[in-house]
Amino acid sequence: MQIELLYQKFLASTGVTTDTRSIAEGNIFFALKGDKFNANTFVPEAIAKGAMLVVADELIEADWKDRFGDKLLLTEDSLKTLQLLAGHHRNRLKCPVIAITGSNGKTTTKELIAAVLSKKYITYATKGNLNNHIGIPLTLLSVKSDVQYAVIEMGANHQGEIASYCEYVRPDYGLITNVGMAHTEGFGGFEGVVKGKTELYRHIGQHGGKIFVCADNELLLSKVPDRNSCITYGHTGNYHGKIAGTGELLSIVADDAQVPVIIQTNLVGDYNFENVMSAVCIGRYFNVDMALIKEALEEYMPANNRSQKIKLGSNTIILDAYNANPSSMQEALKNFAKLDGTNKTVILGEMMELGAYAQTEHEKIAGIVKSMPLVRKVFVGGGFHFLQNDPTVTYFANTGDLKAWFKSQQFENAYLLIKGSRKNELEKILKD
């Protein structure tokens, strides 16, 4: 089937899914293969649940074509077909597309930008963190014809990945939040991270788009193909501001036409300054009134275990347990050290996908924590295994053991930072 014919089927459908658990009547189901699953086995189930079409790349039963007829499309590669369909749809969208990547803060930045643009325009943004080779095409295919701005988040763990997404996302605008020691196992070190993330800049530069970049980040500025194509933000730049106050929640002063505007966010941590300023920058660049930008940013509430402030009895908890890498760990610890509070405790989970850098980077983070004046210094996971016999800290091999210990503690008027990679699921220690 030619992609245009499949696209006509898509337009007549009720949407696209890759999960039989969420099939709705009239969906197109793409049967994908992974390392531990083969969704081609679910073809009969998908059709029984109401899928109008199933795209598969393997016939598990020889009689399926006879049984399912036009409801089954056999292709060489279901994932590639999904991506081609997404690209076909992208070509027909009238709205500008803003692509966001980076080592830290992608999802928060995406949500802040979407919140700001939504105050004036019909805006669609990546749901949750559907930012990979499956999530990105699904996101594109969810963008309706009336959308005025689309904000697409791109994650990556190896070189060439961002470039491959750009082939069908075709972003008009791009933003890299930052680059750090994240996914170094796949990227092959810090220089590999920089090269991989700035694939977005190279695509934008080759296609005459615009790049939003933090004026405070000399490294990223040096990677912009054409300085005339970039719009800057930060403490200096086209749209600038500064941090106001030293409280738990970030407050900034943004200068709009040299008129200072105070924005009190619900985000924990000065490290969110650049994320907030990027949203101010993009909002003003696309002519959103500053009063609406302020309203959007002050209304935004962090969720999904990202920079959340939680009150638990007399205790204050900063929960940042969605993701972690060396750079985000250091920023979180630096911010926590600055905050006023007594009876401070740090609970850190191991960092993933660091490859040959794992031991060194975990030792660096442990060293920072051990130098801090804390009541408790707690580590969990194999990355911190070298601390298991260290009498100056508390170490647990897994989150289950940590949870049992946490429940046994009598925390009173305590101030806790809980941070770790998604695999650790540290938020579970707060649940009954």
Protein backbone atom coordinates (compact mmCIF):
# COMPACT_ATOMS: atom_id res chain seq x y z
CA MET A 1 0.00 0.00 0.00
CA GLN A 2 1.39 3.41 -0.94
CA ILE A 3 1.83 5.85 1.94
CA GLU A 4 -0.82 8.19 0.50
CA LEU A 5 -3.40 5.39 0.55
CA LEU A 6 -2.45 4.56 4.13
CA TYR A 7 -2.74 8.26 4.94
CA GLN A 8 -6.29 8.32 3.65
CA LYS A 9 -7.04 5.40 5.95
CA PHE A 10 -5.47 7.38 8.77
CA LEU A 11 -7.65 10.41 8.07
CA ALA A 12 -10.72 8.19 8.25
CA SER A 13 -9.58 6.53 11.47
CA THR A 14 -10.05 7.54 15.11
CA GLY A 15 -6.31 7.63 15.71
CA VAL A 16 -3.18 5.51 15.91
CA THR A 17 -1.94 3.25 18.70
CA THR A 18 0.81 0.72 19.33
CA ASP A 19 -0.77 -0.71 22.49
CA THR A 20 -3.66 -3.19 22.36
CA ARG A 21 -4.64 -2.14 25.88
CA SER A 22 -5.66 1.28 24.62
CA ILE A 23 -7.31 0.41 21.31
CA ALA A 24 -10.46 2.39 20.59
CA GLU A 25 -13.05 1.60 17.93
CA GLY A 26 -11.76 2.72 14.55
CA ASN A 27 -8.05 2.95 15.51
CA ILE A 28 -5.14 1.91 13.35
CA PHE A 29 -2.91 -0.48 15.30
CA PHE A 30 0.79 -0.70 14.45
CA ALA A 31 2.29 -4.03 15.51
CA LEU A 32 5.85 -3.26 16.57
CA LYS A 33 8.71 -5.51 17.59
CA GLY A 34 11.01 -4.91 20.55
CA ASP A 35 13.79 -6.74 22.32
CA LYS A 36 11.31 -8.45 24.62
CA PHE A 37 8.03 -8.42 22.68
CA ASN A 38 6.52 -8.99 19.25
CA ALA A 39 3.20 -7.20 18.86
CA ASN A 40 2.50 -9.10 15.63
CA THR A 41 1.14 -11.82 17.92
CA PHE A 42 -1.66 -9.40 18.92
CA VAL A 43 -3.10 -8.89 15.43
CA PRO A 44 -6.30 -10.92 16.07
CA GLU A 45 -6.81 -9.21 19.44
CA ALA A 46 -6.44 -5.74 17.91
CA ILE A 47 -9.03 -6.46 15.24
CA ALA A 48 -11.40 -8.03 17.78
CA LYS A 49 -11.14 -4.85 19.88
CA GLY A 50 -12.28 -2.69 16.98
CA ALA A 51 -9.16 -1.68 15.05
CA MET A 52 -10.14 -0.62 11.55
CA LEU A 53 -6.66 -1.55 10.29
CA VAL A 54 -3.63 -3.38 11.65
CA VAL A 55 -0.19 -2.68 10.21
CA ALA A 56 2.04 -5.73 10.76
CA ASP A 57 5.38 -6.94 9.45
CA GLU A 58 5.04 -10.65 10.23
CA LEU A 59 2.31 -13.24 9.69
CA ILE A 60 2.24 -15.39 12.80
CA GLU A 61 -0.54 -17.50 11.26
CA ALA A 62 -0.46 -18.25 7.54
CA ASP A 63 -4.23 -17.77 7.09
CA TRP A 64 -4.38 -14.25 8.57
CA LYS A 65 -4.60 -12.49 5.19
CA ASP A 66 -7.60 -14.63 4.30
CA ARG A 67 -9.20 -14.18 7.73
CA PHE A 68 -8.70 -10.44 8.10
CA GLY A 69 -8.58 -9.23 4.50
CA ASP A 70 -8.37 -5.45 4.10
CA LYS A 71 -8.11 -4.99 7.86
CA LEU A 72 -4.55 -6.30 7.79
CA LEU A 73 -1.75 -4.43 6.01
CA LEU A 74 1.50 -6.38 5.75
CA THR A 75 4.62 -4.20 5.44
CA GLU A 76 8.35 -4.84 5.57
CA ASP A 77 8.81 -2.79 8.76
CA SER A 78 5.89 -1.58 10.89
CA LEU A 79 7.99 0.97 12.77
CA LYS A 80 9.40 2.49 9.58
CA THR A 81 5.88 2.65 8.15
CA LEU A 82 4.69 4.45 11.28
CA GLN A 83 7.50 6.99 10.92
CA LEU A 84 6.83 7.46 7.20
CA LEU A 85 3.15 8.05 7.94
CA ALA A 86 4.09 10.62 10.57
CA GLY A 87 6.34 12.40 8.07
CA HIS A 88 3.57 12.36 5.47
CA HIS A 89 1.22 13.95 8.00
CA ARG A 90 3.87 16.52 8.97
CA ASN A 91 4.10 17.67 5.34
CA ARG A 92 0.41 18.55 5.44
CA LEU A 93 0.47 20.45 8.71
CA LYS A 94 0.36 24.22 8.41
CA CYS A 95 1.63 24.94 11.92
CA PRO A 96 5.26 25.69 12.83
CA VAL A 97 6.98 22.90 14.77
CA ILE A 98 9.30 23.65 17.71
CA ALA A 99 11.66 20.78 18.60
CA ILE A 100 13.25 20.51 22.05
CA THR A 101 16.11 18.29 23.18
CA GLY A 102 18.87 18.40 25.81
CA SER A 103 20.42 16.43 28.65
CA ASN A 104 18.26 17.89 31.43
CA GLY A 105 14.96 19.72 31.65
CA LYS A 106 13.47 18.72 28.27
CA THR A 107 10.05 17.79 29.57
CA THR A 108 9.72 20.72 31.98
CA THR A 109 10.80 23.15 29.27
CA LYS A 110 8.38 21.63 26.77
CA GLU A 111 5.51 21.93 29.22
CA LEU A 112 6.36 25.53 30.15
CA ILE A 113 6.57 26.56 26.50
CA ALA A 114 3.30 24.81 25.69
CA ALA A 115 1.60 26.46 28.68
CA VAL A 116 2.72 29.89 27.48
CA LEU A 117 1.78 29.41 23.81
CA SER A 118 -1.58 27.92 24.80
CA LYS A 119 -2.58 31.25 26.30
CA LYS A 120 -2.92 32.66 22.77
CA TYR A 121 -2.73 29.82 20.28
CA ILE A 122 -4.10 26.32 19.73
CA THR A 123 -1.03 24.37 20.82
CA TYR A 124 -0.21 20.68 20.86
CA ALA A 125 2.78 19.28 22.76
CA THR A 126 4.30 15.87 23.40
CA LYS A 127 2.30 14.05 26.07
CA GLY A 128 4.39 12.99 29.05
CA ASN A 129 7.77 11.92 27.76
CA LEU A 130 6.79 10.21 24.48
CA ASN A 131 10.07 11.43 23.05
CA ASN A 132 11.60 8.39 21.35
CA HIS A 133 11.43 6.61 17.97
CA ILE A 134 7.89 5.42 18.74
CA GLY A 135 6.56 8.32 20.81
CA ILE A 136 7.61 11.06 18.40
CA PRO A 137 5.70 9.72 15.35
CA LEU A 138 2.68 9.04 17.57
CA THR A 139 2.89 12.65 18.78
CA LEU A 140 3.06 14.02 15.23
CA LEU A 141 0.07 11.94 14.19
CA SER A 142 -1.90 13.43 17.09
CA VAL A 143 -1.46 16.99 15.79
CA LYS A 144 -4.77 18.12 14.29
CA SER A 145 -5.14 20.44 11.31
CA ASP A 146 -6.33 23.36 13.46
CA VAL A 147 -3.22 23.37 15.68
CA GLN A 148 -1.25 26.63 15.41
CA TYR A 149 1.95 25.52 17.17
CA ALA A 150 3.35 22.03 17.82
CA VAL A 151 6.01 21.48 20.50
CA ILE A 152 7.86 18.19 20.05
CA GLU A 153 10.24 16.75 22.64
CA MET A 154 13.14 14.64 21.39
CA GLY A 155 15.10 12.28 23.62
CA ALA A 156 18.24 10.49 22.50
CA ASN A 157 20.88 8.11 23.84
CA HIS A 158 23.18 7.78 20.82
CA GLN A 159 24.54 9.80 17.94
CA GLY A 160 22.39 10.00 14.82
CA GLU A 161 19.14 9.67 16.75
CA ILE A 162 18.17 13.37 16.75
CA ALA A 163 19.08 13.60 13.07
CA SER A 164 16.79 10.64 12.30
CA TYR A 165 13.88 12.33 14.09
CA CYS A 166 14.44 15.56 12.19
CA GLU A 167 13.94 13.70 8.91
CA TYR A 168 10.22 13.39 9.59
CA VAL A 169 9.57 16.00 12.29
CA ARG A 170 11.15 18.70 10.09
CA PRO A 171 11.26 21.32 12.85
CA ASP A 172 11.06 25.01 11.99
CA TYR A 173 12.50 26.02 15.36
CA GLY A 174 14.84 24.23 17.74
CA LEU A 175 15.99 24.50 21.35
CA ILE A 176 18.62 22.52 23.26
CA THR A 177 18.16 22.99 27.00
CA ASN A 178 21.76 22.02 27.85
CA VAL A 179 24.31 19.25 27.37
CA GLY A 180 25.79 17.17 30.17
CA MET A 181 27.03 13.74 31.19
CA ALA A 182 23.84 11.88 30.26
CA HIS A 183 23.59 8.61 28.29
CA THR A 184 27.35 8.64 27.89
CA GLU A 185 27.31 4.88 27.39
CA GLY A 186 25.50 5.31 24.08
CA PHE A 187 26.96 8.65 23.04
CA GLY A 188 30.55 7.65 23.80
CA GLY A 189 31.43 10.43 26.24
CA PHE A 190 30.68 14.11 26.67
CA GLU A 191 31.87 15.14 23.19
CA GLY A 192 29.55 12.51 21.78
CA VAL A 193 26.65 14.00 23.73
CA VAL A 194 27.41 17.45 22.31
CA LYS A 195 27.68 16.12 18.77
CA GLY A 196 24.47 14.11 19.11
CA LYS A 197 22.34 16.85 20.64
CA THR A 198 23.53 19.54 18.21
CA GLU A 199 22.29 17.46 15.29
CA LEU A 200 19.16 19.54 15.88
CA TYR A 201 21.12 22.76 15.25
CA ARG A 202 22.60 21.37 12.06
CA HIS A 203 19.20 20.40 10.69
CA ILE A 204 17.69 23.77 11.55
CA GLY A 205 20.65 25.57 10.00
CA GLN A 206 20.41 23.57 6.78
CA HIS A 207 16.72 24.36 6.41
CA GLY A 208 16.68 28.05 7.25
CA GLY A 209 14.95 27.78 10.63
CA LYS A 210 15.51 29.62 13.89
CA ILE A 211 17.31 28.42 17.01
CA PHE A 212 16.49 29.48 20.56
CA VAL A 213 19.62 29.32 22.70
CA CYS A 214 20.63 30.42 26.20
CA ALA A 215 23.01 33.38 25.96
CA ASP A 216 24.75 32.16 29.13
CA ASN A 217 25.77 28.87 27.50
CA GLU A 218 28.98 29.54 25.57
CA LEU A 219 29.27 25.92 24.45
CA LEU A 220 25.85 25.83 22.79
CA LEU A 221 26.30 29.31 21.33
CA SER A 222 29.52 28.11 19.69
CA LYS A 223 27.61 25.28 17.98
CA VAL A 224 24.95 27.50 16.35
CA PRO A 225 25.61 27.38 12.57
CA ASP A 226 24.60 31.01 12.03
CA ARG A 227 24.39 33.49 14.90
CA ASN A 228 21.94 35.54 12.83
CA SER A 229 19.51 32.63 12.96
CA CYS A 230 19.35 32.44 16.75
CA ILE A 231 17.20 34.13 19.38
CA THR A 232 18.80 34.30 22.81
CA TYR A 233 17.56 34.29 26.39
CA GLY A 234 18.99 34.05 29.91
CA HIS A 235 20.71 36.56 32.18
CA THR A 236 21.59 38.38 28.96
CA GLY A 237 20.36 38.07 25.39
CA ASN A 238 17.31 39.14 23.42
CA TYR A 239 15.02 38.16 26.30
CA HIS A 240 16.66 38.39 29.69
CA GLY A 241 15.96 38.27 33.38
CA LYS A 242 17.41 37.27 36.73
CA ILE A 243 16.65 35.13 39.74
CA ALA A 244 14.79 36.98 42.49
CA GLY A 245 14.97 35.81 46.10
CA THR A 246 16.38 32.68 47.69
CA GLY A 247 13.21 30.76 48.59
CA GLU A 248 12.40 27.12 47.91
CA LEU A 249 10.38 28.01 44.81
CA LEU A 250 11.99 29.80 41.91
CA SER A 251 11.07 33.45 41.43
CA ILE A 252 12.43 35.45 38.52
CA VAL A 253 12.36 38.99 37.24
CA ALA A 254 11.96 39.08 33.47
CA ASP A 255 12.74 42.33 31.66
CA ASP A 256 10.08 42.99 29.04
CA ALA A 257 10.90 46.14 27.04
CA GLN A 258 13.04 47.05 30.07
CA VAL A 259 9.99 46.82 32.34
CA PRO A 260 10.66 44.26 35.12
CA VAL A 261 7.98 41.58 35.55
CA ILE A 262 8.12 39.34 38.61
CA ILE A 263 7.15 35.70 37.98
CA GLN A 264 6.68 33.44 40.99
CA THR A 265 6.83 29.83 39.80
CA ASN A 266 5.93 26.58 41.52
CA LEU A 267 9.23 25.03 40.44
CA VAL A 268 11.91 24.05 42.94
CA GLY A 269 15.46 25.02 42.11
CA ASP A 270 17.42 27.86 40.56
CA TYR A 271 18.42 25.38 37.85
CA ASN A 272 14.95 25.91 36.36
CA PHE A 273 15.79 29.55 35.56
CA GLU A 274 16.85 28.76 32.00
CA ASN A 275 13.77 26.60 31.45
CA VAL A 276 11.48 29.43 32.56
CA MET A 277 13.36 32.04 30.54
CA SER A 278 13.15 29.90 27.41
CA ALA A 279 9.36 29.94 27.77
CA VAL A 280 9.40 33.72 28.28
CA CYS A 281 11.60 34.08 25.18
CA ILE A 282 9.45 31.90 22.93
CA GLY A 283 6.24 33.44 24.20
CA ARG A 284 7.41 36.99 23.48
CA TYR A 285 8.96 35.98 20.15
CA PHE A 286 5.58 34.69 19.06
CA ASN A 287 3.79 37.77 20.41
CA VAL A 288 2.18 36.37 23.53
CA ASP A 289 1.43 39.24 25.91
CA MET A 290 3.74 39.34 28.94
CA ALA A 291 0.78 39.32 31.31
CA LEU A 292 -0.38 36.02 29.78
CA ILE A 293 3.15 34.59 29.98
CA LYS A 294 3.32 35.47 33.66
CA GLU A 295 -0.10 33.90 34.22
CA ALA A 296 0.88 30.68 32.43
CA LEU A 297 4.16 30.26 34.28
CA GLU A 298 2.65 30.99 37.67
CA GLU A 299 -0.20 28.54 37.06
CA TYR A 300 2.08 25.69 35.98
CA MET A 301 2.37 22.94 38.60
CA PRO A 302 5.17 20.37 38.22
CA ALA A 303 4.11 16.75 38.28
CA ASN A 304 5.44 13.28 37.46
CA ASN A 305 8.07 13.42 40.22
CA ARG A 306 9.89 16.37 38.62
CA SER A 307 11.07 19.14 40.96
CA GLN A 308 8.02 18.68 43.16
CA LYS A 309 7.73 20.19 46.62
CA ILE A 310 5.75 17.90 48.92
CA LYS A 311 4.63 18.45 52.52
CA LEU A 312 4.46 15.25 54.55
CA GLY A 313 3.48 16.03 58.12
CA SER A 314 6.07 18.42 59.51
CA ASN A 315 8.53 17.45 56.77
CA THR A 316 9.33 19.16 53.49
CA ILE A 317 10.36 16.93 50.59
CA ILE A 318 11.84 17.88 47.24
CA LEU A 319 11.03 14.96 44.96
CA ASP A 320 12.99 14.88 41.71
CA ALA A 321 12.90 11.19 40.95
CA TYR A 322 11.96 11.08 37.28
CA ASN A 323 15.49 11.13 35.92
CA ALA A 324 19.08 11.69 36.98
CA ASN A 325 22.52 12.11 35.45
CA PRO A 326 25.72 13.64 36.83
CA SER A 327 24.94 17.20 35.75
CA SER A 328 21.36 17.21 37.05
CA MET A 329 22.51 15.56 40.30
CA GLN A 330 25.10 18.27 40.87
CA GLU A 331 22.59 21.05 40.18
CA ALA A 332 20.03 19.53 42.53
CA LEU A 333 22.60 19.14 45.32
CA LYS A 334 23.94 22.67 44.82
CA ASN A 335 20.43 24.08 45.03
CA PHE A 336 19.54 21.98 48.08
CA ALA A 337 22.66 23.17 49.88
CA LYS A 338 21.58 26.81 49.40
CA LEU A 339 18.09 26.35 50.82
CA ASP A 340 17.36 27.25 54.42
CA GLY A 341 16.30 24.26 56.43
CA THR A 342 17.20 22.14 59.41
CA ASN A 343 17.53 18.39 59.80
CA LYS A 344 18.51 17.94 56.15
CA THR A 345 18.61 14.53 54.49
CA VAL A 346 19.67 13.54 50.97
CA ILE A 347 18.46 10.27 49.41
CA LEU A 348 20.04 9.51 46.05
CA GLY A 349 19.42 6.66 43.62
CA GLU A 350 21.98 5.41 41.14
CA MET A 351 22.39 6.97 37.69
CA MET A 352 21.91 4.85 34.59
CA GLU A 353 23.50 4.54 31.10
CA LEU A 354 26.89 5.95 32.04
CA GLY A 355 28.91 3.01 30.74
CA ALA A 356 32.64 3.31 31.46
CA TYR A 357 32.01 6.60 33.29
CA ALA A 358 29.66 5.04 35.88
CA GLN A 359 32.14 4.41 38.71
CA THR A 360 33.87 7.79 38.42
CA GLU A 361 30.65 9.79 38.20
CA HIS A 362 29.01 8.00 41.13
CA GLU A 363 32.14 8.58 43.19
CA LYS A 364 32.03 12.30 42.34
CA ILE A 365 28.40 12.61 43.45
CA ALA A 366 29.08 10.64 46.63
CA GLY A 367 31.98 12.95 47.40
CA ILE A 368 29.78 16.03 47.06
CA VAL A 369 27.14 14.57 49.38
CA LYS A 370 29.70 13.48 51.97
CA SER A 371 31.05 17.04 52.12
CA MET A 372 27.61 18.50 52.87
CA PRO A 373 26.40 19.17 56.45
CA LEU A 374 23.54 16.66 56.44
CA VAL A 375 21.82 14.65 59.16
CA ARG A 376 21.48 11.64 56.85
CA LYS A 377 23.29 10.70 53.63
CA VAL A 378 21.46 7.85 51.94
CA PHE A 379 22.31 6.03 48.69
CA VAL A 380 20.53 3.25 46.84
CA GLY A 381 21.40 1.05 43.88
CA GLY A 382 24.37 -0.80 42.45
CA GLY A 383 26.02 2.34 41.11
CA PHE A 384 26.81 3.31 44.69
CA HIS A 385 27.92 -0.19 45.72
CA PHE A 386 31.35 1.10 46.79
CA LEU A 387 29.61 2.80 49.76
CA GLN A 388 28.15 -0.40 51.22
CA ASN A 389 30.80 -0.58 53.98
CA ASP A 390 31.16 3.16 54.51
CA PRO A 391 30.11 3.98 58.11
CA THR A 392 29.53 7.67 57.28
CA VAL A 393 26.58 6.95 54.97
CA THR A 394 23.57 4.65 54.70
CA TYR A 395 23.48 2.35 51.66
CA PHE A 396 20.75 0.10 50.27
CA ALA A 397 21.02 -2.26 47.34
CA ASN A 398 17.45 -1.61 46.17
CA THR A 399 14.47 0.67 46.66
CA GLY A 400 12.49 -1.99 48.51
CA ASP A 401 15.05 -2.08 51.31
CA LEU A 402 15.21 1.71 51.30
CA LYS A 403 11.43 1.95 51.65
CA ALA A 404 11.41 -0.35 54.69
CA TRP A 405 14.09 1.80 56.33
CA PHE A 406 12.33 5.04 55.38
CA LYS A 407 9.06 3.89 56.96
CA SER A 408 10.88 3.03 60.18
CA GLN A 409 12.38 6.50 60.58
CA GLN A 410 10.78 9.13 62.77
CA PHE A 411 11.29 12.17 60.56
CA GLU A 412 10.23 15.40 62.27
CA ASN A 413 10.71 18.89 60.85
CA ALA A 414 13.04 17.36 58.30
CA TYR A 415 14.05 18.69 54.91
CA LEU A 416 14.65 15.95 52.33
CA LEU A 417 15.95 15.81 48.77
CA ILE A 418 14.99 12.58 46.96
CA LYS A 419 16.55 12.19 43.52
CA GLY A 420 17.44 9.29 41.24
CA SER A 421 16.99 7.70 37.82
CA ARG A 422 13.60 6.40 36.74
CA LYS A 423 14.71 2.80 37.28
CA ASN A 424 14.99 3.45 41.03
CA GLU A 425 11.31 4.51 41.37
CA LEU A 426 12.20 6.44 44.51
CA GLU A 427 8.74 7.99 44.68
CA LYS A 428 7.55 4.61 45.97
CA ILE A 429 9.13 5.21 49.38
CA LEU A 430 6.55 7.94 49.99
CA LYS A 431 3.60 5.64 49.32
CA ASP A 432 1.93 3.24 51.74
